[in-house]
Protein backbone atom coordinates (compact mmCIF):
# COMPACT_ATOMS: atom_id res chain seq x y z
CA MET A 1 13.75 14.76 -7.45
CA ILE A 2 13.48 11.40 -5.70
CA LEU A 3 10.77 10.12 -8.04
CA GLN A 4 13.31 10.23 -10.88
CA GLU A 5 16.00 8.32 -8.96
CA THR A 6 16.48 4.57 -9.17
CA PHE A 7 18.18 1.63 -7.50
CA THR A 8 19.84 -0.93 -9.76
CA LEU A 9 18.87 -4.54 -9.14
CA ALA A 10 21.40 -7.37 -9.31
CA ASN A 11 20.48 -8.09 -12.94
CA GLY A 12 20.96 -4.46 -14.01
CA VAL A 13 17.27 -3.51 -14.10
CA GLU A 14 16.59 -0.04 -12.71
CA ILE A 15 13.77 0.31 -10.18
CA PRO A 16 12.41 3.70 -9.02
CA LYS A 17 13.41 4.51 -5.43
CA ILE A 18 9.84 5.12 -4.22
CA GLY A 19 6.78 3.11 -5.19
CA LEU A 20 3.06 3.61 -4.66
CA GLY A 21 1.56 0.86 -2.51
CA THR A 22 -2.02 -0.14 -3.38
CA TRP A 23 -2.99 -2.52 -0.58
CA MET A 24 -6.63 -2.11 0.48
CA ILE A 25 -7.43 0.18 -2.44
CA SER A 26 -10.40 -1.35 -4.27
CA ASP A 27 -10.22 -2.41 -7.89
CA ASP A 28 -12.87 0.20 -8.70
CA SER A 29 -10.84 3.11 -7.33
CA VAL A 30 -7.22 2.03 -7.74
CA GLY A 31 -7.06 3.07 -11.39
CA GLU A 32 -7.75 6.67 -10.43
CA ALA A 33 -5.11 6.49 -7.70
CA VAL A 34 -2.54 5.10 -10.13
CA GLU A 35 -3.35 7.80 -12.68
CA ALA A 36 -2.95 10.50 -10.02
CA ALA A 37 0.38 9.08 -8.85
CA LEU A 38 1.75 8.84 -12.37
CA ALA A 39 0.65 12.41 -13.10
CA LEU A 40 2.62 13.53 -10.03
CA GLY A 41 5.76 11.82 -11.31
CA TYR A 42 5.59 8.38 -9.69
CA ARG A 43 6.78 5.62 -11.99
CA HIS A 44 6.64 2.59 -9.68
CA ILE A 45 3.33 0.92 -8.75
CA ASP A 46 3.09 -2.04 -6.35
CA THR A 47 0.14 -4.44 -6.32
CA ALA A 48 -0.51 -8.13 -5.60
CA GLN A 49 -2.86 -10.94 -6.50
CA ALA A 50 -4.12 -10.84 -2.91
CA TYR A 51 -5.10 -7.17 -3.25
CA GLU A 52 -7.66 -8.12 -5.94
CA ASN A 53 -6.95 -4.88 -7.80
CA GLU A 54 -4.50 -5.89 -10.54
CA ALA A 55 -7.05 -5.15 -13.27
CA GLY A 56 -7.61 -1.65 -11.90
CA VAL A 57 -3.88 -1.02 -11.69
CA GLY A 58 -3.57 -2.05 -15.32
CA ARG A 59 -6.36 0.33 -16.31
CA GLY A 60 -4.62 3.17 -14.49
CA VAL A 61 -1.32 2.41 -16.21
CA ARG A 62 -2.95 2.46 -19.65
CA ALA A 63 -5.06 5.55 -18.91
CA SER A 64 -1.94 7.51 -17.94
CA GLY A 65 -0.84 7.58 -21.57
CA LEU A 66 2.79 7.16 -20.50
CA PRO A 67 5.10 4.90 -22.48
CA ARG A 68 5.13 1.44 -20.91
CA GLU A 69 8.93 1.40 -20.74
CA GLN A 70 8.86 4.40 -18.39
CA LEU A 71 6.78 2.54 -15.79
CA PHE A 72 7.67 -0.12 -13.24
CA VAL A 73 4.88 -2.45 -12.14
CA THR A 74 5.28 -4.97 -9.31
CA THR A 75 2.86 -7.72 -8.38
CA LYS A 76 3.02 -10.71 -6.05
CA LEU A 77 2.20 -14.37 -6.30
CA ALA A 78 -0.53 -15.27 -3.82
CA ALA A 79 0.93 -16.58 -0.56
CA GLU A 80 -1.11 -19.78 -0.83
CA VAL A 81 0.49 -20.78 -4.14
CA LYS A 82 3.10 -23.36 -3.19
CA SER A 83 3.36 -25.63 -6.23
CA HIS A 84 5.07 -25.18 -9.59
CA ASP A 85 1.98 -25.68 -11.74
CA GLU A 86 -0.20 -23.40 -9.63
CA ALA A 87 2.49 -20.72 -9.80
CA VAL A 88 2.79 -21.00 -13.59
CA SER A 89 -0.97 -20.50 -13.91
CA ALA A 90 -0.99 -17.64 -11.39
CA ILE A 91 1.82 -15.77 -13.16
CA ASP A 92 -0.09 -15.92 -16.44
CA GLY A 93 -3.20 -14.84 -14.53
CA SER A 94 -1.46 -11.68 -13.32
CA LEU A 95 -0.24 -10.83 -16.81
CA LYS A 96 -3.81 -11.18 -18.08
CA ALA A 97 -5.37 -9.24 -15.18
CA LEU A 98 -2.90 -6.39 -15.50
CA GLY A 99 -3.22 -6.40 -19.29
CA LEU A 100 0.56 -6.33 -19.66
CA ASP A 101 2.95 -8.29 -21.85
CA VAL A 102 5.69 -8.05 -19.22
CA ILE A 103 5.63 -7.53 -15.44
CA ASP A 104 8.64 -5.59 -14.17
CA LEU A 105 8.91 -7.41 -10.83
CA MET A 106 7.03 -10.37 -9.38
CA LEU A 107 7.44 -11.58 -5.82
CA ILE A 108 6.36 -14.56 -3.75
CA HIS A 109 4.07 -12.67 -1.34
CA SER A 110 4.90 -14.71 1.75
CA PRO A 111 6.91 -17.84 2.57
CA GLN A 112 3.79 -19.19 4.29
CA PRO A 113 0.09 -19.05 3.39
CA TRP A 114 -1.53 -16.19 5.35
CA MET A 115 -3.56 -18.56 7.50
CA GLU A 116 -0.30 -20.15 8.64
CA PHE A 117 1.87 -17.03 8.78
CA ALA A 118 4.53 -17.18 11.53
CA GLY A 119 3.82 -20.88 12.06
CA GLU A 120 6.46 -23.58 12.35
CA ASP A 121 6.13 -24.90 8.78
CA ARG A 122 8.25 -22.70 6.50
CA PHE A 123 6.97 -24.43 3.32
CA PHE A 124 10.52 -24.85 2.00
CA GLU A 125 9.63 -27.23 -0.81
CA GLY A 126 6.58 -25.20 -1.88
CA ASN A 127 8.64 -22.03 -2.03
CA ARG A 128 11.30 -23.73 -4.13
CA GLU A 129 8.56 -24.91 -6.50
CA ALA A 130 6.97 -21.46 -6.75
CA TRP A 131 10.41 -19.93 -7.23
CA ARG A 132 11.16 -22.35 -10.09
CA ALA A 133 8.04 -21.08 -11.86
CA LEU A 134 9.18 -17.47 -11.37
CA GLU A 135 12.63 -18.35 -12.74
CA GLU A 136 11.05 -19.90 -15.84
CA ALA A 137 8.83 -16.87 -16.42
CA TYR A 138 11.85 -14.60 -15.93
CA GLU A 139 13.92 -16.61 -18.40
CA ALA A 140 11.00 -16.54 -20.86
CA GLY A 141 10.90 -12.73 -20.70
CA LYS A 142 7.51 -12.50 -18.97
CA LEU A 143 9.10 -10.95 -15.86
CA ARG A 144 11.97 -8.44 -15.85
CA ALA A 145 12.93 -9.21 -12.25
CA ILE A 146 11.87 -11.64 -9.53
CA GLY A 147 11.97 -11.62 -5.75
CA VAL A 148 10.17 -12.38 -2.52
CA SER A 149 8.26 -10.68 0.28
CA ASN A 150 8.09 -11.28 4.03
CA PHE A 151 10.97 -13.77 3.80
CA GLN A 152 13.20 -14.27 6.83
CA LYS A 153 16.86 -15.29 6.59
CA VAL A 154 16.03 -19.00 6.76
CA ASP A 155 13.54 -18.61 3.90
CA LEU A 156 16.06 -16.77 1.75
CA GLU A 157 18.69 -19.42 2.47
CA ASN A 158 16.24 -22.09 1.34
CA LEU A 159 16.02 -20.49 -2.11
CA LEU A 160 19.65 -19.47 -2.34
CA GLY A 161 20.68 -23.08 -1.82
CA SER A 162 18.91 -24.33 -4.94
CA CYS A 163 18.02 -21.43 -7.26
CA ARG A 164 19.30 -20.73 -10.75
CA VAL A 165 18.42 -17.05 -10.36
CA LYS A 166 18.89 -15.31 -7.01
CA PRO A 167 16.02 -13.25 -5.57
CA MET A 168 16.61 -9.61 -6.47
CA VAL A 169 14.24 -8.09 -3.90
CA ASN A 170 12.84 -8.89 -0.46
CA GLN A 171 9.85 -6.71 0.47
CA VAL A 172 9.34 -6.58 4.24
CA LEU A 173 7.72 -4.58 7.02
CA ALA A 174 10.30 -1.91 7.89
CA HIS A 175 9.88 1.49 9.49
CA ILE A 176 11.07 3.64 12.37
CA GLY A 177 10.54 1.48 15.43
CA LYS A 178 10.73 -1.78 13.48
CA THR A 179 13.84 -2.08 11.34
CA PRO A 180 15.04 -5.66 10.73
CA THR A 181 18.71 -4.69 10.48
CA GLU A 182 20.18 -8.20 10.46
CA LEU A 183 17.81 -9.32 7.70
CA ILE A 184 18.55 -6.19 5.66
CA ASP A 185 22.31 -6.71 6.05
CA PHE A 186 22.05 -10.39 5.07
CA ALA A 187 20.01 -9.49 1.98
CA ARG A 188 22.47 -6.76 0.99
CA ALA A 189 25.38 -9.20 1.24
CA GLN A 190 23.51 -11.44 -1.21
CA GLY A 191 22.84 -8.60 -3.63
CA ILE A 192 19.16 -8.45 -2.65
CA LEU A 193 17.45 -5.04 -2.40
CA THR A 194 15.13 -4.65 0.59
CA GLU A 195 11.84 -2.85 -0.01
CA ALA A 196 10.01 -1.34 2.97
CA TYR A 197 6.25 -1.63 3.02
CA SER A 198 4.26 0.34 5.60
CA PRO A 199 7.14 2.84 6.01
CA ILE A 200 4.83 4.95 8.19
CA GLY A 201 3.98 1.95 10.38
CA HIS A 202 0.41 1.63 9.11
CA GLY A 203 -0.13 5.14 10.48
CA VAL A 204 1.02 4.52 14.05
CA LEU A 205 4.05 6.79 13.56
CA LEU A 206 1.66 9.70 12.99
CA GLU A 207 0.91 9.61 16.73
CA HIS A 208 4.50 8.96 17.85
CA GLU A 209 5.73 11.88 19.98
CA ALA A 210 9.48 11.44 19.44
CA VAL A 211 9.06 10.98 15.69
CA GLY A 212 6.81 14.04 15.58
CA GLU A 213 9.44 16.11 17.37
CA MET A 214 12.13 14.95 14.95
CA ALA A 215 9.97 15.78 11.94
CA ALA A 216 9.33 19.26 13.35
CA LYS A 217 13.08 19.76 13.75
CA TYR A 218 13.52 19.25 10.01
CA GLY A 219 10.36 21.14 9.07
CA VAL A 220 8.85 18.09 7.40
CA SER A 221 5.83 15.86 7.92
CA ILE A 222 6.06 12.58 9.83
CA PRO A 223 5.51 10.59 6.60
CA GLN A 224 8.32 12.53 4.92
CA LEU A 225 10.69 11.81 7.82
CA SER A 226 9.70 8.14 7.82
CA ILE A 227 10.20 7.73 4.09
CA ARG A 228 13.54 9.57 4.21
CA TYR A 229 14.64 7.26 7.05
CA ALA A 230 14.00 4.22 4.86
CA LEU A 231 15.84 5.74 1.91
CA GLN A 232 18.89 6.57 4.00
CA LEU A 233 19.03 2.95 5.13
CA GLY A 234 19.21 1.94 1.47
CA LEU A 235 15.63 0.65 1.46
CA LEU A 236 12.97 1.25 -1.15
CA PRO A 237 9.85 2.63 0.59
CA LEU A 238 6.34 1.81 -0.64
CA PRO A 239 3.94 4.25 1.02
CA LYS A 240 0.33 3.31 0.35
CA THR A 241 -2.29 5.98 -0.31
CA ALA A 242 -5.11 6.84 -2.69
CA ASN A 243 -4.94 10.53 -1.74
CA PRO A 244 -3.05 12.69 -4.28
CA ALA A 245 -2.13 15.25 -1.60
CA HIS A 246 -0.52 12.50 0.45
CA MET A 247 1.23 11.16 -2.65
CA LYS A 248 2.76 14.57 -3.25
CA ASP A 249 3.78 14.95 0.40
CA ASN A 250 5.33 11.47 0.45
CA ALA A 251 7.60 12.39 -2.44
CA GLY A 252 8.85 15.59 -0.78
CA VAL A 253 11.92 14.03 0.78
CA ASP A 254 14.69 16.22 -0.60
CA PHE A 255 16.45 16.63 2.74
CA THR A 256 18.99 14.65 4.76
CA ILE A 257 18.62 13.27 8.27
CA SER A 258 21.88 13.70 10.17
CA ASP A 259 23.86 10.62 11.22
CA GLU A 260 23.16 11.48 14.86
CA ASP A 261 19.43 11.69 14.27
CA MET A 262 19.42 8.49 12.22
CA GLU A 263 21.00 6.71 15.18
CA ALA A 264 18.41 8.23 17.50
CA LEU A 265 15.60 6.99 15.26
CA LYS A 266 17.16 3.52 15.02
CA GLY A 267 17.31 3.42 18.82
CA LEU A 268 13.64 4.15 19.49
CA PRO A 269 11.69 1.40 21.30
CA GLU A 270 10.23 -1.26 19.05
CA ILE A 271 6.66 -0.72 17.92
CA ASP A 272 4.44 -3.77 18.29
CA ASP A 273 0.96 -2.28 18.54
CA TYR A 274 -0.67 -1.38 15.22
CA GLY A 275 -4.15 -0.73 16.57
CA GLU A 276 -6.88 -2.01 14.28
CA ALA A 277 -4.25 -3.42 11.92
CA ASN A 278 -3.12 -5.90 14.58
CA VAL A 279 -5.50 -8.45 13.03
CA PHE A 280 -3.34 -8.73 9.90
CA PRO A 281 -0.61 -11.41 9.99
CA VAL A 282 2.17 -9.03 8.90
CA TYR A 283 1.45 -6.90 12.00
CA GLY A 284 1.49 -9.87 14.32
CA GLY A 285 -2.12 -11.01 14.10
CA LYS A 286 -3.73 -14.30 13.15
CA LEU A 287 -6.43 -14.74 10.55
CA GLY A 288 -9.24 -17.20 11.07
């Protein structure tokens, strides 16, 4: 069962191969979603300071009754935090909000503040400062693993040129119709695992005719095909849902996409229209 399988990070820490994303799930309801996921066999929960639901995630983790060592909790340093001291304070803030003694993985959420996402300033110095704080927390035992999110090659190179501890993860937008192959290959060569958020393309793949036809060929749902695609690329998918039925469906990926069909999926035209989600920076929009 895929929920019991793990990748091994560069430092030897095991991370479950599928995680539950919690973006846009309110703090009031995320605890129930986490409990439901854990009851179904999920062991990896992904949140962030920016989601404003860390406290709810922590409540769900505790309410599950599962031993802490069986669970993997990821959170992310707010994208606007670009100084060492701010990062130190923010890391401690996440530990307190989650109600945990140790966070399994903490990431820098973005190389740039959201209001300046995709701008010219890559905030190299600020990212090195934030990374130094993550390294210190890692070395102090507050974090079991550290990494980044939404980093491009140039951003990774910035850290790799000065870090004591290499990033272990880069969490990026990756799905059928938008697979950053060169970035994934570069990360892999550096021993960095790539996680795929929005593996169903923020829902746009649900209306994609060619993807629907491929899913029908295998007798699976479009989300199942999309998640399996990510796994076969060596990525760690993070489907986001608060619906237990969808959680169960998303984990039903015990099948194999043929090499020929994987190539066909890789070759589909790039998706660049995410409908209402276009407003969000990660989907190409601009805030403010």
